Amino acid sequence: MDLSKIQKMKSEFDRERGWDKSRASNVLVHLLEELGEVGRFVNFEEKYKTREIGHEHGISREELGREFAQSFMLFLQLANHYGIDLERAFADEIKIMEKRFRK
């Protein structure tokens, strides 16, 4: 499945539920919350945070994929809110990066 199809699928999904009316600021904060779950996992995996020093463990490795998917879906929702064609934006940006960061 290509990125354009994924983005369109998310747009239709949101529209059917009225989520396309959500404020961008709310979607962004929700995205940051989900990315925070990924960050929590990384901090525990790298032993930056541990139960031994009083931290509550976050998500399991099995749940990590879901957190990435939730983050991606919110990212898509935000891009759709602003009418950003992510496939095109990515293609344009990779060309810029290839010139800027030559091997």
PDB file of N, CA and C in Angstrom:
ATOM      1  N   MET A   1       0.848  -1.175   0.000  1.00  0.00           N
ATOM      2  CA  MET A   1       0.000   0.000   0.000  1.00  0.00           C
ATOM      3  C   MET A   1       0.893   1.237   0.000  1.00  0.00           C
ATOM      4  N   ASP A   2       0.613   2.173  -0.884  1.00  0.00           N
ATOM      5  CA  ASP A   2       1.445   3.371  -0.940  1.00  0.00           C
ATOM      6  C   ASP A   2       0.931   4.432   0.031  1.00  0.00           C
ATOM      7  N   LEU A   3       1.766   5.407   0.274  1.00  0.00           N
ATOM      8  CA  LEU A   3       1.470   6.434   1.268  1.00  0.00           C
ATOM      9  C   LEU A   3       0.210   7.225   0.919  1.00  0.00           C
ATOM     10  N   SER A   4       0.004   7.519  -0.351  1.00  0.00           N
ATOM     11  CA  SER A   4      -1.203   8.254  -0.754  1.00  0.00           C
ATOM     12  C   SER A   4      -2.470   7.483  -0.401  1.00  0.00           C
ATOM     13  N   LYS A   5      -2.452   6.172  -0.632  1.00  0.00           N
ATOM     14  CA  LYS A   5      -3.610   5.341  -0.297  1.00  0.00           C
ATOM     15  C   LYS A   5      -3.830   5.310   1.215  1.00  0.00           C
ATOM     16  N   ILE A   6      -2.749   5.202   1.957  1.00  0.00           N
ATOM     17  CA  ILE A   6      -2.847   5.177   3.420  1.00  0.00           C
ATOM     18  C   ILE A   6      -3.426   6.495   3.920  1.00  0.00           C
ATOM     19  N   GLN A   7      -2.932   7.587   3.375  1.00  0.00           N
ATOM     20  CA  GLN A   7      -3.399   8.906   3.799  1.00  0.00           C
ATOM     21  C   GLN A   7      -4.882   9.091   3.450  1.00  0.00           C
ATOM     22  N   LYS A   8      -5.290   8.635   2.292  1.00  0.00           N
ATOM     23  CA  LYS A   8      -6.696   8.735   1.885  1.00  0.00           C
ATOM     24  C   LYS A   8      -7.567   7.854   2.782  1.00  0.00           C
ATOM     25  N   MET A   9      -7.098   6.651   3.087  1.00  0.00           N
ATOM     26  CA  MET A   9      -7.837   5.742   3.957  1.00  0.00           C
ATOM     27  C   MET A   9      -8.067   6.384   5.327  1.00  0.00           C
ATOM     28  N   LYS A  10      -7.033   7.013   5.860  1.00  0.00           N
ATOM     29  CA  LYS A  10      -7.150   7.681   7.166  1.00  0.00           C
ATOM     30  C   LYS A  10      -8.119   8.854   7.074  1.00  0.00           C
ATOM     31  N   SER A  11      -8.065   9.598   5.998  1.00  0.00           N
ATOM     32  CA  SER A  11      -8.968  10.729   5.806  1.00  0.00           C
ATOM     33  C   SER A  11     -10.427  10.270   5.795  1.00  0.00           C
ATOM     34  N   GLU A  12     -10.713   9.207   5.067  1.00  0.00           N
ATOM     35  CA  GLU A  12     -12.073   8.670   5.004  1.00  0.00           C
ATOM     36  C   GLU A  12     -12.515   8.136   6.363  1.00  0.00           C
ATOM     37  N   PHE A  13     -11.631   7.441   7.038  1.00  0.00           N
ATOM     38  CA  PHE A  13     -11.902   6.901   8.373  1.00  0.00           C
ATOM     39  C   PHE A  13     -12.283   8.033   9.324  1.00  0.00           C
ATOM     40  N   ASP A  14     -11.507   9.101   9.309  1.00  0.00           N
ATOM     41  CA  ASP A  14     -11.771  10.246  10.191  1.00  0.00           C
ATOM     42  C   ASP A  14     -13.073  10.953   9.828  1.00  0.00           C
ATOM     43  N   ARG A  15     -13.306  11.131   8.542  1.00  0.00           N
ATOM     44  CA  ARG A  15     -14.504  11.830   8.083  1.00  0.00           C
ATOM     45  C   ARG A  15     -15.765  11.063   8.513  1.00  0.00           C
ATOM     46  N   GLU A  16     -15.734   9.730   8.401  1.00  0.00           N
ATOM     47  CA  GLU A  16     -16.881   8.904   8.784  1.00  0.00           C
ATOM     48  C   GLU A  16     -17.212   9.037  10.276  1.00  0.00           C
ATOM     49  N   ARG A  17     -16.239   9.380  11.080  1.00  0.00           N
ATOM     50  CA  ARG A  17     -16.425   9.479  12.525  1.00  0.00           C
ATOM     51  C   ARG A  17     -16.488  10.918  13.030  1.00  0.00           C
ATOM     52  N   GLY A  18     -16.353  11.864  12.104  1.00  0.00           N
ATOM     53  CA  GLY A  18     -16.365  13.270  12.489  1.00  0.00           C
ATOM     54  C   GLY A  18     -15.049  13.744  13.080  1.00  0.00           C
ATOM     55  N   TRP A  19     -14.040  12.894  13.008  1.00  0.00           N
ATOM     56  CA  TRP A  19     -12.730  13.245  13.581  1.00  0.00           C
ATOM     57  C   TRP A  19     -11.997  14.267  12.724  1.00  0.00           C
ATOM     58  N   ASP A  20     -12.424  14.429  11.492  1.00  0.00           N
ATOM     59  CA  ASP A  20     -11.803  15.438  10.628  1.00  0.00           C
ATOM     60  C   ASP A  20     -12.102  16.850  11.128  1.00  0.00           C
ATOM     61  N   LYS A  21     -13.027  16.960  12.065  1.00  0.00           N
ATOM     62  CA  LYS A  21     -13.378  18.259  12.648  1.00  0.00           C
ATOM     63  C   LYS A  21     -12.537  18.572  13.892  1.00  0.00           C
ATOM     64  N   SER A  22     -11.704  17.633  14.308  1.00  0.00           N
ATOM     65  CA  SER A  22     -10.874  17.833  15.506  1.00  0.00           C
ATOM     66  C   SER A  22      -9.918  18.996  15.303  1.00  0.00           C
ATOM     67  N   ARG A  23      -9.686  19.726  16.373  1.00  0.00           N
ATOM     68  CA  ARG A  23      -8.744  20.835  16.309  1.00  0.00           C
ATOM     69  C   ARG A  23      -7.323  20.292  16.155  1.00  0.00           C
ATOM     70  N   ALA A  24      -6.541  20.962  15.325  1.00  0.00           N
ATOM     71  CA  ALA A  24      -5.151  20.546  15.086  1.00  0.00           C
ATOM     72  C   ALA A  24      -4.363  20.505  16.386  1.00  0.00           C
ATOM     73  N   SER A  25      -4.604  21.459  17.268  1.00  0.00           N
ATOM     74  CA  SER A  25      -3.861  21.488  18.534  1.00  0.00           C
ATOM     75  C   SER A  25      -4.140  20.243  19.371  1.00  0.00           C
ATOM     76  N   ASN A  26      -5.389  19.758  19.364  1.00  0.00           N
ATOM     77  CA  ASN A  26      -5.722  18.551  20.116  1.00  0.00           C
ATOM     78  C   ASN A  26      -5.070  17.315  19.505  1.00  0.00           C
ATOM     79  N   VAL A  27      -5.079  17.246  18.191  1.00  0.00           N
ATOM     80  CA  VAL A  27      -4.454  16.111  17.506  1.00  0.00           C
ATOM     81  C   VAL A  27      -2.949  16.111  17.779  1.00  0.00           C
ATOM     82  N   LEU A  28      -2.333  17.291  17.736  1.00  0.00           N
ATOM     83  CA  LEU A  28      -0.900  17.398  17.996  1.00  0.00           C
ATOM     84  C   LEU A  28      -0.561  16.946  19.413  1.00  0.00           C
ATOM     85  N   VAL A  29      -1.318  17.385  20.389  1.00  0.00           N
ATOM     86  CA  VAL A  29      -1.056  16.986  21.774  1.00  0.00           C
ATOM     87  C   VAL A  29      -1.240  15.482  21.932  1.00  0.00           C
ATOM     88  N   HIS A  30      -2.268  14.934  21.289  1.00  0.00           N
ATOM     89  CA  HIS A  30      -2.479  13.482  21.345  1.00  0.00           C
ATOM     90  C   HIS A  30      -1.298  12.744  20.709  1.00  0.00           C
ATOM     91  N   LEU A  31      -0.811  13.259  19.574  1.00  0.00           N
ATOM     92  CA  LEU A  31       0.369  12.687  18.920  1.00  0.00           C
ATOM     93  C   LEU A  31       1.560  12.696  19.865  1.00  0.00           C
ATOM     94  N   LEU A  32       1.774  13.806  20.542  1.00  0.00           N
ATOM     95  CA  LEU A  32       2.896  13.900  21.476  1.00  0.00           C
ATOM     96  C   LEU A  32       2.756  12.917  22.629  1.00  0.00           C
ATOM     97  N   GLU A  33       1.533  12.694  23.091  1.00  0.00           N
ATOM     98  CA  GLU A  33       1.292  11.702  24.138  1.00  0.00           C
ATOM     99  C   GLU A  33       1.703  10.310  23.665  1.00  0.00           C
ATOM    100  N   GLU A  34       1.296   9.963  22.449  1.00  0.00           N
ATOM    101  CA  GLU A  34       1.624   8.637  21.910  1.00  0.00           C
ATOM    102  C   GLU A  34       3.132   8.495  21.691  1.00  0.00           C
ATOM    103  N   LEU A  35       3.778   9.546  21.191  1.00  0.00           N
ATOM    104  CA  LEU A  35       5.235   9.504  21.027  1.00  0.00           C
ATOM    105  C   LEU A  35       5.914   9.386  22.383  1.00  0.00           C
ATOM    106  N   GLY A  36       5.298   9.972  23.403  1.00  0.00           N
ATOM    107  CA  GLY A  36       5.817   9.833  24.759  1.00  0.00           C
ATOM    108  C   GLY A  36       5.834   8.387  25.217  1.00  0.00           C
ATOM    109  N   GLU A  37       4.842   7.604  24.807  1.00  0.00           N
ATOM    110  CA  GLU A  37       4.817   6.177  25.141  1.00  0.00           C
ATOM    111  C   GLU A  37       5.991   5.459  24.477  1.00  0.00           C
ATOM    112  N   VAL A  38       6.287   5.828  23.236  1.00  0.00           N
ATOM    113  CA  VAL A  38       7.452   5.245  22.550  1.00  0.00           C
ATOM    114  C   VAL A  38       8.720   5.653  23.293  1.00  0.00           C
ATOM    115  N   GLY A  39       8.805   6.921  23.669  1.00  0.00           N
ATOM    116  CA  GLY A  39       9.961   7.409  24.415  1.00  0.00           C
ATOM    117  C   GLY A  39      10.125   6.704  25.744  1.00  0.00           C
ATOM    118  N   ARG A  40       9.030   6.452  26.422  1.00  0.00           N
ATOM    119  CA  ARG A  40       9.078   5.737  27.704  1.00  0.00           C
ATOM    120  C   ARG A  40       9.672   4.344  27.507  1.00  0.00           C
ATOM    121  N   PHE A  41       9.237   3.667  26.422  1.00  0.00           N
ATOM    122  CA  PHE A  41       9.774   2.344  26.121  1.00  0.00           C
ATOM    123  C   PHE A  41      11.284   2.415  25.917  1.00  0.00           C
ATOM    124  N   VAL A  42      11.739   3.384  25.124  1.00  0.00           N
ATOM    125  CA  VAL A  42      13.166   3.539  24.836  1.00  0.00           C
ATOM    126  C   VAL A  42      13.940   3.797  26.130  1.00  0.00           C
ATOM    127  N   ASN A  43      13.430   4.674  26.982  1.00  0.00           N
ATOM    128  CA  ASN A  43      14.113   4.975  28.238  1.00  0.00           C
ATOM    129  C   ASN A  43      14.267   3.737  29.111  1.00  0.00           C
ATOM    130  N   PHE A  44      13.267   2.863  29.148  1.00  0.00           N
ATOM    131  CA  PHE A  44      13.382   1.631  29.930  1.00  0.00           C
ATOM    132  C   PHE A  44      14.295   0.630  29.239  1.00  0.00           C
ATOM    133  N   GLU A  45      14.195   0.515  27.928  1.00  0.00           N
ATOM    134  CA  GLU A  45      15.036  -0.431  27.199  1.00  0.00           C
ATOM    135  C   GLU A  45      16.521  -0.087  27.357  1.00  0.00           C
ATOM    136  N   GLU A  46      16.825   1.203  27.354  1.00  0.00           N
ATOM    137  CA  GLU A  46      18.214   1.642  27.480  1.00  0.00           C
ATOM    138  C   GLU A  46      18.637   1.842  28.936  1.00  0.00           C
ATOM    139  N   LYS A  47      17.764   1.450  29.865  1.00  0.00           N
ATOM    140  CA  LYS A  47      18.050   1.500  31.312  1.00  0.00           C
ATOM    141  C   LYS A  47      18.267   2.917  31.838  1.00  0.00           C
ATOM    142  N   TYR A  48      17.776   3.914  31.124  1.00  0.00           N
ATOM    143  CA  TYR A  48      17.817   5.285  31.624  1.00  0.00           C
ATOM    144  C   TYR A  48      16.842   5.411  32.790  1.00  0.00           C
ATOM    145  N   LYS A  49      15.702   4.722  32.657  1.00  0.00           N
ATOM    146  CA  LYS A  49      14.738   4.634  33.741  1.00  0.00           C
ATOM    147  C   LYS A  49      14.605   3.167  34.125  1.00  0.00           C
ATOM    148  N   THR A  50      14.487   2.911  35.407  1.00  0.00           N
ATOM    149  CA  THR A  50      14.313   1.544  35.895  1.00  0.00           C
ATOM    150  C   THR A  50      13.328   1.531  37.053  1.00  0.00           C
ATOM    151  N   ARG A  51      12.757   0.387  37.290  1.00  0.00           N
ATOM    152  CA  ARG A  51      11.858   0.224  38.436  1.00  0.00           C
ATOM    153  C   ARG A  51      12.638   0.372  39.737  1.00  0.00           C
ATOM    154  N   GLU A  52      13.892  -0.035  39.701  1.00  0.00           N
ATOM    155  CA  GLU A  52      14.718   0.005  40.910  1.00  0.00           C
ATOM    156  C   GLU A  52      14.889   1.422  41.457  1.00  0.00           C
ATOM    157  N   ILE A  53      14.795   2.428  40.597  1.00  0.00           N
ATOM    158  CA  ILE A  53      14.927   3.805  41.093  1.00  0.00           C
ATOM    159  C   ILE A  53      13.573   4.521  41.127  1.00  0.00           C
ATOM    160  N   GLY A  54      12.491   3.695  41.143  1.00  0.00           N
ATOM    161  CA  GLY A  54      11.171   4.241  41.405  1.00  0.00           C
ATOM    162  C   GLY A  54      10.306   4.602  40.219  1.00  0.00           C
ATOM    163  N   HIS A  55      10.701   4.223  39.012  1.00  0.00           N
ATOM    164  CA  HIS A  55       9.889   4.546  37.841  1.00  0.00           C
ATOM    165  C   HIS A  55       8.921   3.407  37.530  1.00  0.00           C
ATOM    166  N   GLU A  56       7.734   3.771  37.106  1.00  0.00           N
ATOM    167  CA  GLU A  56       6.751   2.785  36.653  1.00  0.00           C
ATOM    168  C   GLU A  56       7.082   2.413  35.214  1.00  0.00           C
ATOM    169  N   HIS A  57       7.076   1.125  34.941  1.00  0.00           N
ATOM    170  CA  HIS A  57       7.367   0.676  33.582  1.00  0.00           C
ATOM    171  C   HIS A  57       6.224   1.065  32.664  1.00  0.00           C
ATOM    172  N   GLY A  58       6.556   1.368  31.434  1.00  0.00           N
ATOM    173  CA  GLY A  58       5.556   1.758  30.437  1.00  0.00           C
ATOM    174  C   GLY A  58       5.038   0.566  29.676  1.00  0.00           C
ATOM    175  N   ILE A  59       5.121   0.631  28.387  1.00  0.00           N
ATOM    176  CA  ILE A  59       4.557  -0.389  27.515  1.00  0.00           C
ATOM    177  C   ILE A  59       5.530  -1.543  27.296  1.00  0.00           C
ATOM    178  N   SER A  60       4.986  -2.664  26.854  1.00  0.00           N
ATOM    179  CA  SER A  60       5.811  -3.832  26.534  1.00  0.00           C
ATOM    180  C   SER A  60       6.257  -3.751  25.072  1.00  0.00           C
ATOM    181  N   ARG A  61       7.205  -4.588  24.719  1.00  0.00           N
ATOM    182  CA  ARG A  61       7.659  -4.650  23.326  1.00  0.00           C
ATOM    183  C   ARG A  61       6.493  -5.020  22.407  1.00  0.00           C
ATOM    184  N   GLU A  62       5.606  -5.883  22.885  1.00  0.00           N
ATOM    185  CA  GLU A  62       4.444  -6.291  22.083  1.00  0.00           C
ATOM    186  C   GLU A  62       3.534  -5.105  21.789  1.00  0.00           C
ATOM    187  N   GLU A  63       3.452  -4.154  22.710  1.00  0.00           N
ATOM    188  CA  GLU A  63       2.594  -2.979  22.526  1.00  0.00           C
ATOM    189  C   GLU A  63       3.273  -1.865  21.723  1.00  0.00           C
ATOM    190  N   LEU A  64       4.572  -1.954  21.551  1.00  0.00           N
ATOM    191  CA  LEU A  64       5.328  -0.890  20.889  1.00  0.00           C
ATOM    192  C   LEU A  64       4.853  -0.635  19.467  1.00  0.00           C
ATOM    193  N   GLY A  65       4.589  -1.678  18.724  1.00  0.00           N
ATOM    194  CA  GLY A  65       4.098  -1.519  17.352  1.00  0.00           C
ATOM    195  C   GLY A  65       2.801  -0.737  17.301  1.00  0.00           C
ATOM    196  N   ARG A  66       1.931  -1.009  18.264  1.00  0.00           N
ATOM    197  CA  ARG A  66       0.662  -0.274  18.344  1.00  0.00           C
ATOM    198  C   ARG A  66       0.888   1.198  18.610  1.00  0.00           C
ATOM    199  N   GLU A  67       1.840   1.522  19.463  1.00  0.00           N
ATOM    200  CA  GLU A  67       2.135   2.925  19.766  1.00  0.00           C
ATOM    201  C   GLU A  67       2.667   3.647  18.531  1.00  0.00           C
ATOM    202  N   PHE A  68       3.525   2.950  17.767  1.00  0.00           N
ATOM    203  CA  PHE A  68       3.996   3.538  16.510  1.00  0.00           C
ATOM    204  C   PHE A  68       2.830   3.753  15.549  1.00  0.00           C
ATOM    205  N   ALA A  69       1.942   2.764  15.445  1.00  0.00           N
ATOM    206  CA  ALA A  69       0.795   2.886  14.547  1.00  0.00           C
ATOM    207  C   ALA A  69      -0.123   4.026  14.980  1.00  0.00           C
ATOM    208  N   GLN A  70      -0.371   4.152  16.278  1.00  0.00           N
ATOM    209  CA  GLN A  70      -1.207   5.239  16.770  1.00  0.00           C
ATOM    210  C   GLN A  70      -0.566   6.591  16.469  1.00  0.00           C
ATOM    211  N   SER A  71       0.732   6.676  16.667  1.00  0.00           N
ATOM    212  CA  SER A  71       1.445   7.922  16.369  1.00  0.00           C
ATOM    213  C   SER A  71       1.352   8.250  14.889  1.00  0.00           C
ATOM    214  N   PHE A  72       1.550   7.244  14.054  1.00  0.00           N
ATOM    215  CA  PHE A  72       1.481   7.439  12.604  1.00  0.00           C
ATOM    216  C   PHE A  72       0.093   7.901  12.178  1.00  0.00           C
ATOM    217  N   MET A  73      -0.936   7.303  12.760  1.00  0.00           N
ATOM    218  CA  MET A  73      -2.301   7.682  12.396  1.00  0.00           C
ATOM    219  C   MET A  73      -2.603   9.126  12.791  1.00  0.00           C
ATOM    220  N   LEU A  74      -2.122   9.540  13.942  1.00  0.00           N
ATOM    221  CA  LEU A  74      -2.335  10.925  14.367  1.00  0.00           C
ATOM    222  C   LEU A  74      -1.527  11.885  13.496  1.00  0.00           C
ATOM    223  N   PHE A  75      -0.327  11.472  13.103  1.00  0.00           N
ATOM    224  CA  PHE A  75       0.493  12.269  12.194  1.00  0.00           C
ATOM    225  C   PHE A  75      -0.229  12.448  10.855  1.00  0.00           C
ATOM    226  N   LEU A  76      -0.809  11.367  10.355  1.00  0.00           N
ATOM    227  CA  LEU A  76      -1.594  11.442   9.120  1.00  0.00           C
ATOM    228  C   LEU A  76      -2.787  12.376   9.285  1.00  0.00           C
ATOM    229  N   GLN A  77      -3.464  12.283  10.413  1.00  0.00           N
ATOM    230  CA  GLN A  77      -4.624  13.133  10.668  1.00  0.00           C
ATOM    231  C   GLN A  77      -4.229  14.610  10.653  1.00  0.00           C
ATOM    232  N   LEU A  78      -3.091  14.905  11.246  1.00  0.00           N
ATOM    233  CA  LEU A  78      -2.606  16.279  11.280  1.00  0.00           C
ATOM    234  C   LEU A  78      -2.230  16.756   9.874  1.00  0.00           C
ATOM    235  N   ALA A  79      -1.542  15.914   9.122  1.00  0.00           N
ATOM    236  CA  ALA A  79      -1.192  16.268   7.737  1.00  0.00           C
ATOM    237  C   ALA A  79      -2.457  16.488   6.907  1.00  0.00           C
ATOM    238  N   ASN A  80      -3.445  15.628   7.082  1.00  0.00           N
ATOM    239  CA  ASN A  80      -4.709  15.782   6.352  1.00  0.00           C
ATOM    240  C   ASN A  80      -5.406  17.077   6.739  1.00  0.00           C
ATOM    241  N   HIS A  81      -5.351  17.420   7.996  1.00  0.00           N
ATOM    242  CA  HIS A  81      -5.968  18.666   8.471  1.00  0.00           C
ATOM    243  C   HIS A  81      -5.429  19.868   7.691  1.00  0.00           C
ATOM    244  N   TYR A  82      -4.133  19.855   7.414  1.00  0.00           N
ATOM    245  CA  TYR A  82      -3.496  20.974   6.708  1.00  0.00           C
ATOM    246  C   TYR A  82      -3.374  20.755   5.201  1.00  0.00           C
ATOM    247  N   GLY A  83      -3.952  19.653   4.713  1.00  0.00           N
ATOM    248  CA  GLY A  83      -3.946  19.409   3.274  1.00  0.00           C
ATOM    249  C   GLY A  83      -2.570  19.071   2.719  1.00  0.00           C
ATOM    250  N   ILE A  84      -1.752  18.445   3.515  1.00  0.00           N
ATOM    251  CA  ILE A  84      -0.393  18.084   3.086  1.00  0.00           C
ATOM    252  C   ILE A  84      -0.417  16.720   2.404  1.00  0.00           C
ATOM    253  N   ASP A  85       0.089  16.648   1.191  1.00  0.00           N
ATOM    254  CA  ASP A  85       0.267  15.387   0.476  1.00  0.00           C
ATOM    255  C   ASP A  85       1.617  14.839   0.922  1.00  0.00           C
ATOM    256  N   LEU A  86       1.589  13.902   1.847  1.00  0.00           N
ATOM    257  CA  LEU A  86       2.835  13.408   2.440  1.00  0.00           C
ATOM    258  C   LEU A  86       3.728  12.678   1.439  1.00  0.00           C
ATOM    259  N   GLU A  87       3.129  11.975   0.501  1.00  0.00           N
ATOM    260  CA  GLU A  87       3.947  11.274  -0.497  1.00  0.00           C
ATOM    261  C   GLU A  87       4.753  12.281  -1.312  1.00  0.00           C
ATOM    262  N   ARG A  88       4.088  13.340  -1.723  1.00  0.00           N
ATOM    263  CA  ARG A  88       4.767  14.388  -2.501  1.00  0.00           C
ATOM    264  C   ARG A  88       5.798  15.117  -1.636  1.00  0.00           C
ATOM    265  N   ALA A  89       5.406  15.466  -0.415  1.00  0.00           N
ATOM    266  CA  ALA A  89       6.313  16.184   0.485  1.00  0.00           C
ATOM    267  C   ALA A  89       7.559  15.347   0.773  1.00  0.00           C
ATOM    268  N   PHE A  90       7.366  14.035   0.963  1.00  0.00           N
ATOM    269  CA  PHE A  90       8.507  13.161   1.214  1.00  0.00           C
ATOM    270  C   PHE A  90       9.426  13.106  -0.004  1.00  0.00           C
ATOM    271  N   ALA A  91       8.841  12.930  -1.182  1.00  0.00           N
ATOM    272  CA  ALA A  91       9.649  12.855  -2.416  1.00  0.00           C
ATOM    273  C   ALA A  91      10.445  14.140  -2.616  1.00  0.00           C
ATOM    274  N   ASP A  92       9.807  15.283  -2.366  1.00  0.00           N
ATOM    275  CA  ASP A  92      10.504  16.562  -2.499  1.00  0.00           C
ATOM    276  C   ASP A  92      11.630  16.680  -1.474  1.00  0.00           C
ATOM    277  N   GLU A  93      11.346  16.291  -0.254  1.00  0.00           N
ATOM    278  CA  GLU A  93      12.336  16.433   0.823  1.00  0.00           C
ATOM    279  C   GLU A  93      13.526  15.496   0.631  1.00  0.00           C
ATOM    280  N   ILE A  94      13.284  14.273   0.158  1.00  0.00           N
ATOM    281  CA  ILE A  94      14.405  13.341  -0.029  1.00  0.00           C
ATOM    282  C   ILE A  94      15.353  13.859  -1.114  1.00  0.00           C
ATOM    283  N   LYS A  95      14.822  14.543  -2.124  1.00  0.00           N
ATOM    284  CA  LYS A  95      15.667  15.135  -3.161  1.00  0.00           C
ATOM    285  C   LYS A  95      16.551  16.228  -2.570  1.00  0.00           C
ATOM    286  N   ILE A  96      15.964  17.054  -1.721  1.00  0.00           N
ATOM    287  CA  ILE A  96      16.725  18.115  -1.054  1.00  0.00           C
ATOM    288  C   ILE A  96      17.813  17.510  -0.166  1.00  0.00           C
ATOM    289  N   MET A  97      17.449  16.482   0.573  1.00  0.00           N
ATOM    290  CA  MET A  97      18.404  15.852   1.491  1.00  0.00           C
ATOM    291  C   MET A  97      19.549  15.156   0.740  1.00  0.00           C
ATOM    292  N   GLU A  98      19.212  14.547  -0.407  1.00  0.00           N
ATOM    293  CA  GLU A  98      20.243  13.886  -1.211  1.00  0.00           C
ATOM    294  C   GLU A  98      21.287  14.891  -1.674  1.00  0.00           C
ATOM    295  N   LYS A  99      20.867  16.093  -2.048  1.00  0.00           N
ATOM    296  CA  LYS A  99      21.806  17.131  -2.461  1.00  0.00           C
ATOM    297  C   LYS A  99      22.576  17.669  -1.268  1.00  0.00           C
ATOM    298  N   ARG A 100      21.876  17.873  -0.185  1.00  0.00           N
ATOM    299  CA  ARG A 100      22.476  18.492   1.001  1.00  0.00           C
ATOM    300  C   ARG A 100      23.448  17.563   1.727  1.00  0.00           C
ATOM    301  N   PHE A 101      23.130  16.278   1.746  1.00  0.00           N
ATOM    302  CA  PHE A 101      23.953  15.328   2.502  1.00  0.00           C
ATOM    303  C   PHE A 101      24.526  14.264   1.560  1.00  0.00           C
ATOM    304  N   ARG A 102      25.309  14.736   0.624  1.00  0.00           N
ATOM    305  CA  ARG A 102      25.925  13.816  -0.347  1.00  0.00           C
ATOM    306  C   ARG A 102      26.896  12.870   0.354  1.00  0.00           C
ATOM    307  N   LYS A 103      27.000  11.672  -0.199  1.00  0.00           N
ATOM    308  CA  LYS A 103      27.921  10.668   0.348  1.00  0.00           C
ATOM    309  C   LYS A 103      29.327  10.955  -0.115  1.00  0.00           C
TER     310      LYS A 103
END
